[in-house]
Amino acid sequence: MLLKIQVKVKPNAKQQKIEEIAENHFKIAVKSPPTDGKANQELIKILAQRFNVPKSHISIKSGVSSRNKLVEIDT
């Protein structure tokens, strides 16, 4: 089953944090900077742990270089 979620990412945060704003809408703070895709890699790692799926089952469909992203999770 494919789950599509909206994510707002806050890079360079002091702590990692996931906040569910609404159904399938998350606000996620990551420690990594938004350079060389590091924040996106950390985001995928956090979502994999949250939804208990392998990292390979998560893909960023839009907003790769934006704070607002559409993420697809194959559960």
N, C-alpha and C. Protein backbone atom coordinates (compact mmCIF):
# COMPACT_ATOMS: atom_id res chain seq x y z
N MET A 1 0.83 -1.18 0.00
CA MET A 1 0.00 0.00 0.00
C MET A 1 0.88 1.25 0.00
N LEU A 2 0.57 2.20 -0.84
CA LEU A 2 1.33 3.44 -0.90
C LEU A 2 0.67 4.50 -0.02
N LEU A 3 1.47 5.11 0.82
CA LEU A 3 1.00 6.18 1.69
C LEU A 3 1.70 7.45 1.25
N LYS A 4 0.93 8.49 0.97
CA LYS A 4 1.51 9.77 0.58
C LYS A 4 1.33 10.74 1.73
N ILE A 5 2.43 11.36 2.14
CA ILE A 5 2.37 12.32 3.24
C ILE A 5 3.03 13.64 2.84
N GLN A 6 2.53 14.72 3.42
CA GLN A 6 3.13 16.04 3.25
C GLN A 6 4.07 16.26 4.44
N VAL A 7 5.28 16.73 4.14
CA VAL A 7 6.26 16.94 5.20
C VAL A 7 6.84 18.35 5.08
N LYS A 8 6.92 19.04 6.21
CA LYS A 8 7.63 20.31 6.26
C LYS A 8 8.89 20.06 7.08
N VAL A 9 10.04 20.28 6.46
CA VAL A 9 11.32 19.96 7.09
C VAL A 9 11.99 21.21 7.63
N LYS A 10 12.54 21.08 8.84
CA LYS A 10 13.32 22.17 9.43
C LYS A 10 14.75 21.66 9.60
N PRO A 11 15.67 22.04 8.68
CA PRO A 11 17.06 21.58 8.80
C PRO A 11 17.82 22.35 9.88
N ASN A 12 18.98 21.86 10.25
CA ASN A 12 19.86 22.49 11.25
C ASN A 12 19.20 22.66 12.61
N ALA A 13 18.31 21.77 12.98
CA ALA A 13 17.65 21.85 14.27
C ALA A 13 18.56 21.32 15.38
N LYS A 14 18.31 21.74 16.60
CA LYS A 14 19.11 21.25 17.72
C LYS A 14 18.79 19.79 18.04
N GLN A 15 17.50 19.43 17.86
CA GLN A 15 17.05 18.07 18.15
C GLN A 15 16.21 17.54 17.00
N GLN A 16 16.27 16.22 16.81
CA GLN A 16 15.36 15.58 15.86
C GLN A 16 13.98 15.55 16.50
N LYS A 17 12.96 15.87 15.70
CA LYS A 17 11.60 15.86 16.26
C LYS A 17 10.60 15.61 15.14
N ILE A 18 9.59 14.77 15.43
CA ILE A 18 8.49 14.55 14.50
C ILE A 18 7.22 15.04 15.17
N GLU A 19 6.48 15.85 14.44
CA GLU A 19 5.21 16.37 14.95
C GLU A 19 4.15 16.14 13.88
N GLU A 20 3.09 15.42 14.25
CA GLU A 20 2.01 15.19 13.30
C GLU A 20 1.01 16.33 13.43
N ILE A 21 0.94 17.16 12.39
CA ILE A 21 0.07 18.34 12.41
C ILE A 21 -1.37 17.94 12.12
N ALA A 22 -1.55 17.13 11.10
CA ALA A 22 -2.86 16.62 10.71
C ALA A 22 -2.63 15.23 10.12
N GLU A 23 -3.71 14.59 9.71
CA GLU A 23 -3.56 13.26 9.12
C GLU A 23 -2.69 13.36 7.86
N ASN A 24 -1.63 12.57 7.82
CA ASN A 24 -0.68 12.52 6.70
C ASN A 24 0.02 13.86 6.45
N HIS A 25 0.16 14.67 7.49
CA HIS A 25 0.86 15.95 7.39
C HIS A 25 1.79 16.08 8.60
N PHE A 26 3.09 16.13 8.34
CA PHE A 26 4.07 16.12 9.42
C PHE A 26 4.99 17.33 9.35
N LYS A 27 5.49 17.70 10.52
CA LYS A 27 6.53 18.72 10.64
C LYS A 27 7.72 17.99 11.28
N ILE A 28 8.85 17.97 10.59
CA ILE A 28 9.99 17.18 11.06
C ILE A 28 11.23 18.07 11.14
N ALA A 29 11.87 18.05 12.31
CA ALA A 29 13.12 18.78 12.51
C ALA A 29 14.27 17.79 12.38
N VAL A 30 15.25 18.15 11.57
CA VAL A 30 16.44 17.30 11.38
C VAL A 30 17.69 18.09 11.76
N LYS A 31 18.71 17.39 12.24
CA LYS A 31 19.94 18.05 12.66
C LYS A 31 20.84 18.40 11.48
N SER A 32 20.71 17.68 10.40
CA SER A 32 21.60 17.85 9.25
C SER A 32 21.34 19.16 8.50
N PRO A 33 22.40 19.68 7.87
CA PRO A 33 22.23 20.89 7.05
C PRO A 33 21.62 20.52 5.70
N PRO A 34 21.00 21.48 5.02
CA PRO A 34 20.35 21.17 3.73
C PRO A 34 21.33 21.19 2.56
N THR A 35 22.54 20.69 2.78
CA THR A 35 23.54 20.65 1.70
C THR A 35 23.86 19.21 1.34
N ASP A 36 24.13 18.97 0.08
CA ASP A 36 24.49 17.64 -0.44
C ASP A 36 23.45 16.56 -0.10
N GLY A 37 22.19 16.96 0.07
CA GLY A 37 21.13 15.98 0.34
C GLY A 37 21.16 15.37 1.72
N LYS A 38 21.97 15.94 2.63
CA LYS A 38 22.10 15.35 3.97
C LYS A 38 20.80 15.41 4.76
N ALA A 39 20.09 16.53 4.68
CA ALA A 39 18.82 16.66 5.40
C ALA A 39 17.79 15.66 4.85
N ASN A 40 17.77 15.47 3.53
CA ASN A 40 16.84 14.50 2.93
C ASN A 40 17.17 13.09 3.38
N GLN A 41 18.45 12.74 3.47
CA GLN A 41 18.85 11.40 3.92
C GLN A 41 18.40 11.17 5.36
N GLU A 42 18.58 12.19 6.20
CA GLU A 42 18.16 12.07 7.60
C GLU A 42 16.64 11.97 7.70
N LEU A 43 15.94 12.74 6.86
CA LEU A 43 14.47 12.69 6.83
C LEU A 43 13.99 11.28 6.49
N ILE A 44 14.58 10.66 5.48
CA ILE A 44 14.20 9.30 5.07
C ILE A 44 14.48 8.31 6.20
N LYS A 45 15.59 8.48 6.89
CA LYS A 45 15.94 7.60 8.01
C LYS A 45 14.91 7.72 9.14
N ILE A 46 14.52 8.96 9.46
CA ILE A 46 13.53 9.20 10.53
C ILE A 46 12.18 8.60 10.15
N LEU A 47 11.76 8.81 8.90
CA LEU A 47 10.46 8.27 8.47
C LEU A 47 10.47 6.75 8.44
N ALA A 48 11.61 6.15 8.06
CA ALA A 48 11.72 4.69 8.04
C ALA A 48 11.52 4.13 9.45
N GLN A 49 12.10 4.79 10.44
CA GLN A 49 11.93 4.34 11.83
C GLN A 49 10.50 4.54 12.29
N ARG A 50 9.91 5.68 11.94
CA ARG A 50 8.55 6.04 12.38
C ARG A 50 7.50 5.07 11.83
N PHE A 51 7.66 4.73 10.53
CA PHE A 51 6.66 3.86 9.88
C PHE A 51 7.10 2.40 9.82
N ASN A 52 8.27 2.12 10.41
CA ASN A 52 8.78 0.75 10.50
C ASN A 52 8.89 0.07 9.13
N VAL A 53 9.52 0.76 8.19
CA VAL A 53 9.76 0.22 6.85
C VAL A 53 11.24 0.44 6.50
N PRO A 54 11.77 -0.32 5.55
CA PRO A 54 13.15 -0.07 5.11
C PRO A 54 13.26 1.29 4.41
N LYS A 55 14.44 1.88 4.47
CA LYS A 55 14.65 3.20 3.84
C LYS A 55 14.38 3.16 2.34
N SER A 56 14.58 2.00 1.72
CA SER A 56 14.37 1.87 0.28
C SER A 56 12.89 1.98 -0.10
N HIS A 57 11.99 1.89 0.88
CA HIS A 57 10.55 1.97 0.62
C HIS A 57 10.03 3.41 0.71
N ILE A 58 10.95 4.36 0.91
CA ILE A 58 10.56 5.76 1.05
C ILE A 58 11.19 6.58 -0.07
N SER A 59 10.37 7.39 -0.74
CA SER A 59 10.91 8.26 -1.79
C SER A 59 10.28 9.64 -1.71
N ILE A 60 11.09 10.63 -2.02
CA ILE A 60 10.61 12.01 -2.05
C ILE A 60 10.13 12.28 -3.46
N LYS A 61 8.81 12.48 -3.61
CA LYS A 61 8.21 12.64 -4.93
C LYS A 61 8.31 14.07 -5.45
N SER A 62 8.22 15.05 -4.56
CA SER A 62 8.39 16.43 -4.99
C SER A 62 8.94 17.25 -3.83
N GLY A 63 9.64 18.33 -4.16
CA GLY A 63 10.19 19.19 -3.14
C GLY A 63 11.55 18.78 -2.63
N VAL A 64 12.34 18.11 -3.48
CA VAL A 64 13.67 17.63 -3.06
C VAL A 64 14.52 18.78 -2.52
N SER A 65 14.44 19.95 -3.17
CA SER A 65 15.24 21.09 -2.72
C SER A 65 14.40 22.13 -1.99
N SER A 66 13.23 21.74 -1.51
CA SER A 66 12.33 22.65 -0.80
C SER A 66 12.11 22.14 0.62
N ARG A 67 11.61 23.00 1.49
CA ARG A 67 11.27 22.56 2.85
C ARG A 67 9.98 21.75 2.86
N ASN A 68 9.08 22.05 1.92
CA ASN A 68 7.82 21.33 1.82
C ASN A 68 7.96 20.19 0.82
N LYS A 69 7.72 18.99 1.28
CA LYS A 69 7.95 17.81 0.45
C LYS A 69 6.72 16.92 0.40
N LEU A 70 6.57 16.21 -0.71
CA LEU A 70 5.59 15.14 -0.82
C LEU A 70 6.38 13.84 -0.79
N VAL A 71 6.11 13.01 0.21
CA VAL A 71 6.87 11.78 0.40
C VAL A 71 5.93 10.60 0.22
N GLU A 72 6.42 9.58 -0.47
CA GLU A 72 5.66 8.36 -0.70
C GLU A 72 6.30 7.21 0.09
N ILE A 73 5.48 6.50 0.86
CA ILE A 73 5.97 5.40 1.67
C ILE A 73 5.24 4.14 1.26
N ASP A 74 6.02 3.11 0.89
CA ASP A 74 5.46 1.81 0.51
C ASP A 74 5.39 0.95 1.77
N THR A 75 4.19 0.86 2.37
CA THR A 75 4.05 0.12 3.63
C THR A 75 3.72 -1.33 3.42
